[in-house]
């Protein structure tokens, strides 16, 4: 399902911004954890759509993580409506962590 590897330059910029959002329980950003499945930016409708998941359904800080995504998007794209969609399929697994994420975990 992940479309994070096929992003336009503007969507890649958004992915870089989302790397500032850290999962507080793990201490690694949500992009490198593999929690971001899709980013689309529609200039006609002025909408940024982010499809993401959490490491577990019962993640106690899930609301905080989603709110932080929205804050980052609002701060950097104030003229755009942001739409953060939380999904559970495919279910997140540690194999989704990027090499940078694995290195960050190893250095903790």
N, C-alpha and C. Protein backbone atom coordinates (compact mmCIF):
# COMPACT_ATOMS: atom_id res chain seq x y z
N UNK A 1 0.81 -1.20 0.00
CA UNK A 1 0.00 0.00 0.00
C UNK A 1 0.85 1.26 0.00
N UNK A 2 2.05 1.19 0.50
CA UNK A 2 2.87 2.39 0.66
C UNK A 2 3.18 3.05 -0.67
N UNK A 3 2.84 4.32 -0.77
CA UNK A 3 3.16 5.12 -1.94
C UNK A 3 4.22 6.15 -1.59
N UNK A 4 4.81 6.00 -0.43
CA UNK A 4 5.77 6.98 0.07
C UNK A 4 7.02 7.06 -0.82
N UNK A 5 7.28 6.02 -1.60
CA UNK A 5 8.48 6.04 -2.44
C UNK A 5 8.22 6.69 -3.80
N UNK A 6 6.97 6.94 -4.16
CA UNK A 6 6.64 7.53 -5.46
C UNK A 6 6.01 8.91 -5.27
N UNK A 7 6.76 9.81 -4.65
CA UNK A 7 6.23 11.13 -4.33
C UNK A 7 6.74 12.19 -5.29
N UNK A 8 5.91 13.20 -5.52
CA UNK A 8 6.35 14.37 -6.28
C UNK A 8 7.34 15.14 -5.41
N UNK A 9 8.09 16.07 -5.98
CA UNK A 9 9.01 16.86 -5.15
C UNK A 9 8.32 17.57 -3.98
N UNK A 10 7.13 18.11 -4.19
CA UNK A 10 6.41 18.79 -3.10
C UNK A 10 5.99 17.79 -2.02
N UNK A 11 5.58 16.59 -2.44
CA UNK A 11 5.19 15.56 -1.48
C UNK A 11 6.41 15.05 -0.73
N UNK A 12 7.56 15.00 -1.40
CA UNK A 12 8.80 14.63 -0.72
C UNK A 12 9.15 15.67 0.34
N UNK A 13 8.88 16.93 0.03
CA UNK A 13 9.09 18.01 1.00
C UNK A 13 8.21 17.80 2.23
N UNK A 14 6.97 17.40 2.00
CA UNK A 14 6.06 17.12 3.11
C UNK A 14 6.58 15.95 3.94
N UNK A 15 7.07 14.90 3.28
CA UNK A 15 7.62 13.75 3.99
C UNK A 15 8.78 14.19 4.87
N UNK A 16 9.64 15.07 4.35
CA UNK A 16 10.76 15.58 5.15
C UNK A 16 10.24 16.34 6.37
N UNK A 17 9.21 17.14 6.19
CA UNK A 17 8.62 17.87 7.33
C UNK A 17 8.04 16.90 8.35
N UNK A 18 7.43 15.83 7.88
CA UNK A 18 6.83 14.85 8.79
C UNK A 18 7.88 14.08 9.58
N UNK A 19 9.13 14.13 9.12
CA UNK A 19 10.21 13.51 9.89
C UNK A 19 10.46 14.26 11.20
N UNK A 20 9.88 15.44 11.35
CA UNK A 20 10.01 16.17 12.62
C UNK A 20 9.03 15.65 13.66
N UNK A 21 8.07 14.82 13.23
CA UNK A 21 7.09 14.23 14.15
C UNK A 21 7.66 12.91 14.64
N UNK A 22 7.90 12.84 15.93
CA UNK A 22 8.53 11.67 16.53
C UNK A 22 7.51 10.88 17.34
N UNK A 23 7.56 9.57 17.20
CA UNK A 23 6.74 8.71 18.07
C UNK A 23 7.40 8.75 19.43
N UNK A 24 6.74 9.37 20.43
CA UNK A 24 7.37 9.57 21.73
C UNK A 24 7.73 8.28 22.46
N UNK A 25 7.04 7.21 22.16
CA UNK A 25 7.34 5.94 22.84
C UNK A 25 8.62 5.29 22.30
N UNK A 26 8.91 5.53 21.02
CA UNK A 26 10.05 4.90 20.38
C UNK A 26 11.22 5.86 20.24
N UNK A 27 10.92 7.15 20.07
CA UNK A 27 11.97 8.15 19.90
C UNK A 27 12.48 8.24 18.48
N UNK A 28 11.69 7.76 17.50
CA UNK A 28 12.06 7.79 16.09
C UNK A 28 10.92 8.46 15.32
N UNK A 29 11.28 9.17 14.25
CA UNK A 29 10.24 9.87 13.49
C UNK A 29 9.30 8.89 12.78
N UNK A 30 8.09 9.38 12.54
CA UNK A 30 7.03 8.52 12.01
C UNK A 30 7.26 8.08 10.56
N UNK A 31 8.03 8.84 9.80
CA UNK A 31 8.33 8.44 8.42
C UNK A 31 9.28 7.25 8.43
N UNK A 32 10.36 7.36 9.19
CA UNK A 32 11.33 6.27 9.24
C UNK A 32 10.79 5.04 9.99
N UNK A 33 9.79 5.23 10.82
CA UNK A 33 9.15 4.07 11.45
C UNK A 33 8.25 3.32 10.47
N UNK A 34 7.96 3.95 9.34
CA UNK A 34 7.10 3.32 8.34
C UNK A 34 5.62 3.51 8.61
N UNK A 35 5.29 4.53 9.41
CA UNK A 35 3.89 4.78 9.75
C UNK A 35 3.15 5.58 8.68
N UNK A 36 3.88 6.22 7.77
CA UNK A 36 3.26 7.00 6.71
C UNK A 36 3.16 6.14 5.47
N UNK A 37 1.94 5.90 5.01
CA UNK A 37 1.71 5.04 3.85
C UNK A 37 1.57 5.84 2.55
N UNK A 38 1.03 7.03 2.64
CA UNK A 38 0.76 7.79 1.42
C UNK A 38 0.69 9.28 1.74
N UNK A 39 1.19 10.09 0.82
CA UNK A 39 1.08 11.55 0.91
C UNK A 39 0.67 12.04 -0.47
N UNK A 40 -0.41 12.80 -0.53
CA UNK A 40 -0.80 13.43 -1.79
C UNK A 40 -1.11 14.90 -1.54
N UNK A 41 -0.69 15.71 -2.48
CA UNK A 41 -0.93 17.16 -2.40
C UNK A 41 -1.70 17.55 -3.65
N UNK A 42 -2.88 18.12 -3.46
CA UNK A 42 -3.72 18.54 -4.58
C UNK A 42 -3.78 20.07 -4.57
N UNK A 43 -3.11 20.67 -5.54
CA UNK A 43 -3.06 22.13 -5.59
C UNK A 43 -4.39 22.76 -6.01
N UNK A 44 -5.21 22.02 -6.75
CA UNK A 44 -6.50 22.56 -7.16
C UNK A 44 -7.45 22.70 -5.98
N UNK A 45 -7.51 21.66 -5.15
CA UNK A 45 -8.41 21.71 -3.99
C UNK A 45 -7.72 22.23 -2.74
N UNK A 46 -6.40 22.50 -2.88
CA UNK A 46 -5.60 22.98 -1.74
C UNK A 46 -5.73 22.02 -0.56
N UNK A 47 -5.49 20.73 -0.84
CA UNK A 47 -5.62 19.69 0.17
C UNK A 47 -4.35 18.85 0.22
N UNK A 48 -3.92 18.53 1.42
CA UNK A 48 -2.85 17.57 1.64
C UNK A 48 -3.48 16.38 2.35
N UNK A 49 -3.34 15.22 1.74
CA UNK A 49 -3.93 14.00 2.29
C UNK A 49 -2.80 13.07 2.72
N UNK A 50 -2.81 12.69 3.99
CA UNK A 50 -1.80 11.78 4.53
C UNK A 50 -2.51 10.53 5.02
N UNK A 51 -2.09 9.38 4.52
CA UNK A 51 -2.60 8.09 4.99
C UNK A 51 -1.52 7.51 5.88
N UNK A 52 -1.90 7.20 7.10
CA UNK A 52 -0.91 6.70 8.06
C UNK A 52 -1.53 5.66 8.97
N UNK A 53 -0.67 5.02 9.72
CA UNK A 53 -1.11 4.06 10.72
C UNK A 53 -0.34 4.34 12.00
N UNK A 54 -0.59 3.55 12.99
CA UNK A 54 0.15 3.60 14.25
C UNK A 54 0.73 2.22 14.48
N UNK A 55 1.69 2.12 15.36
CA UNK A 55 2.34 0.83 15.57
C UNK A 55 1.39 -0.19 16.20
N UNK A 56 0.41 0.29 16.96
CA UNK A 56 -0.61 -0.60 17.53
C UNK A 56 -1.93 0.16 17.59
N UNK A 57 -3.03 -0.60 17.54
CA UNK A 57 -4.35 0.04 17.63
C UNK A 57 -4.54 0.77 18.95
N UNK A 58 -3.97 0.25 20.00
CA UNK A 58 -4.14 0.85 21.31
C UNK A 58 -3.05 1.85 21.68
N UNK A 59 -2.36 2.36 20.68
CA UNK A 59 -1.25 3.29 20.93
C UNK A 59 -1.75 4.44 21.81
N UNK A 60 -1.23 4.56 23.05
CA UNK A 60 -1.73 5.57 23.96
C UNK A 60 -1.44 7.00 23.52
N UNK A 61 -0.48 7.18 22.64
CA UNK A 61 -0.13 8.53 22.18
C UNK A 61 -0.53 8.75 20.72
N UNK A 62 -1.39 7.89 20.19
CA UNK A 62 -1.83 8.02 18.80
C UNK A 62 -2.44 9.37 18.50
N UNK A 63 -3.31 9.85 19.38
CA UNK A 63 -3.95 11.15 19.15
C UNK A 63 -2.92 12.27 19.12
N UNK A 64 -1.90 12.18 19.95
CA UNK A 64 -0.84 13.18 20.00
C UNK A 64 -0.04 13.16 18.70
N UNK A 65 0.27 11.97 18.21
CA UNK A 65 1.03 11.85 16.96
C UNK A 65 0.25 12.44 15.80
N UNK A 66 -1.03 12.11 15.69
CA UNK A 66 -1.87 12.64 14.61
C UNK A 66 -1.99 14.15 14.73
N UNK A 67 -2.17 14.65 15.94
CA UNK A 67 -2.26 16.10 16.15
C UNK A 67 -0.94 16.77 15.74
N UNK A 68 0.19 16.15 16.04
CA UNK A 68 1.48 16.72 15.66
C UNK A 68 1.64 16.76 14.14
N UNK A 69 1.14 15.75 13.44
CA UNK A 69 1.15 15.76 11.98
C UNK A 69 0.35 16.96 11.48
N UNK A 70 -0.82 17.16 12.04
CA UNK A 70 -1.68 18.27 11.62
C UNK A 70 -1.02 19.62 11.92
N UNK A 71 -0.37 19.74 13.05
CA UNK A 71 0.31 20.99 13.42
C UNK A 71 1.42 21.30 12.42
N UNK A 72 2.21 20.29 12.07
CA UNK A 72 3.31 20.49 11.11
C UNK A 72 2.75 20.92 9.75
N UNK A 73 1.70 20.25 9.30
CA UNK A 73 1.10 20.60 8.01
C UNK A 73 0.50 22.01 8.04
N UNK A 74 -0.24 22.33 9.10
CA UNK A 74 -0.84 23.67 9.22
C UNK A 74 0.22 24.77 9.26
N UNK A 75 1.31 24.51 9.96
CA UNK A 75 2.36 25.52 10.11
C UNK A 75 3.08 25.78 8.79
N UNK A 76 3.27 24.73 8.00
CA UNK A 76 4.04 24.86 6.77
C UNK A 76 3.20 25.09 5.52
N UNK A 77 1.94 24.74 5.59
CA UNK A 77 1.01 24.92 4.46
C UNK A 77 -0.30 25.51 4.97
N UNK A 78 -0.26 26.75 5.47
CA UNK A 78 -1.46 27.33 6.08
C UNK A 78 -2.63 27.53 5.12
N UNK A 79 -2.36 27.59 3.82
CA UNK A 79 -3.43 27.77 2.84
C UNK A 79 -4.07 26.46 2.41
N UNK A 80 -3.58 25.34 2.94
CA UNK A 80 -4.07 24.02 2.57
C UNK A 80 -4.87 23.41 3.70
N UNK A 81 -5.88 22.63 3.31
CA UNK A 81 -6.63 21.83 4.29
C UNK A 81 -5.86 20.52 4.41
N UNK A 82 -5.62 20.09 5.62
CA UNK A 82 -4.95 18.80 5.77
C UNK A 82 -5.95 17.74 6.20
N UNK A 83 -5.76 16.59 5.62
CA UNK A 83 -6.64 15.46 5.86
C UNK A 83 -5.77 14.27 6.24
N UNK A 84 -5.78 13.91 7.52
CA UNK A 84 -4.98 12.80 7.99
C UNK A 84 -5.92 11.61 8.19
N UNK A 85 -5.67 10.57 7.41
CA UNK A 85 -6.50 9.36 7.45
C UNK A 85 -5.74 8.25 8.17
N UNK A 86 -6.31 7.78 9.24
CA UNK A 86 -5.72 6.69 10.02
C UNK A 86 -6.29 5.36 9.51
N UNK A 87 -5.39 4.45 9.13
CA UNK A 87 -5.82 3.14 8.60
C UNK A 87 -5.13 2.03 9.40
N UNK A 88 -5.71 0.85 9.31
CA UNK A 88 -5.14 -0.32 10.01
C UNK A 88 -4.74 -1.43 9.04
N UNK A 89 -4.94 -1.21 7.75
CA UNK A 89 -4.55 -2.17 6.73
C UNK A 89 -3.65 -1.47 5.74
N UNK A 90 -2.50 -1.95 5.43
CA UNK A 90 -1.92 -3.11 6.09
C UNK A 90 -1.48 -2.78 7.50
N UNK A 91 -1.50 -3.79 8.33
CA UNK A 91 -1.08 -3.61 9.71
C UNK A 91 0.42 -3.32 9.75
N UNK A 92 0.82 -2.38 10.59
CA UNK A 92 2.22 -2.02 10.70
C UNK A 92 3.02 -3.19 11.27
N UNK A 93 4.25 -3.33 10.81
CA UNK A 93 5.16 -4.31 11.37
C UNK A 93 6.57 -3.73 11.37
N UNK A 94 7.46 -4.25 12.20
CA UNK A 94 8.82 -3.72 12.27
C UNK A 94 9.57 -3.75 10.93
N UNK A 95 9.15 -4.61 10.00
CA UNK A 95 9.81 -4.66 8.69
C UNK A 95 9.61 -3.36 7.91
N UNK A 96 8.65 -2.53 8.31
CA UNK A 96 8.36 -1.28 7.62
C UNK A 96 9.33 -0.16 8.00
N UNK A 97 10.13 -0.39 9.02
CA UNK A 97 11.09 0.62 9.47
C UNK A 97 12.19 0.77 8.42
N UNK A 98 12.52 2.02 8.07
CA UNK A 98 13.58 2.26 7.09
C UNK A 98 14.94 2.00 7.72
N UNK A 99 15.98 1.97 6.88
CA UNK A 99 17.34 1.80 7.39
C UNK A 99 17.69 2.93 8.35
N UNK A 100 17.30 4.17 8.02
CA UNK A 100 17.56 5.30 8.92
C UNK A 100 16.86 5.09 10.26
N UNK A 101 15.63 4.56 10.20
CA UNK A 101 14.90 4.29 11.43
C UNK A 101 15.56 3.22 12.27
N UNK A 102 16.04 2.17 11.61
CA UNK A 102 16.74 1.10 12.34
C UNK A 102 18.02 1.64 12.98
N UNK A 103 18.73 2.48 12.24
CA UNK A 103 19.95 3.08 12.80
C UNK A 103 19.64 3.98 13.99
N UNK A 104 18.51 4.72 13.90
CA UNK A 104 18.13 5.59 15.01
C UNK A 104 17.77 4.77 16.25
N UNK A 105 17.07 3.66 16.05
CA UNK A 105 16.70 2.79 17.17
C UNK A 105 17.96 2.19 17.80
N UNK A 106 18.88 1.76 16.95
CA UNK A 106 20.12 1.17 17.45
C UNK A 106 20.95 2.15 18.27
N UNK A 107 20.83 3.45 17.95
CA UNK A 107 21.64 4.44 18.64
C UNK A 107 20.99 4.95 19.93
N UNK A 108 19.77 4.49 20.21
CA UNK A 108 19.08 4.95 21.43
C UNK A 108 19.64 4.27 22.66
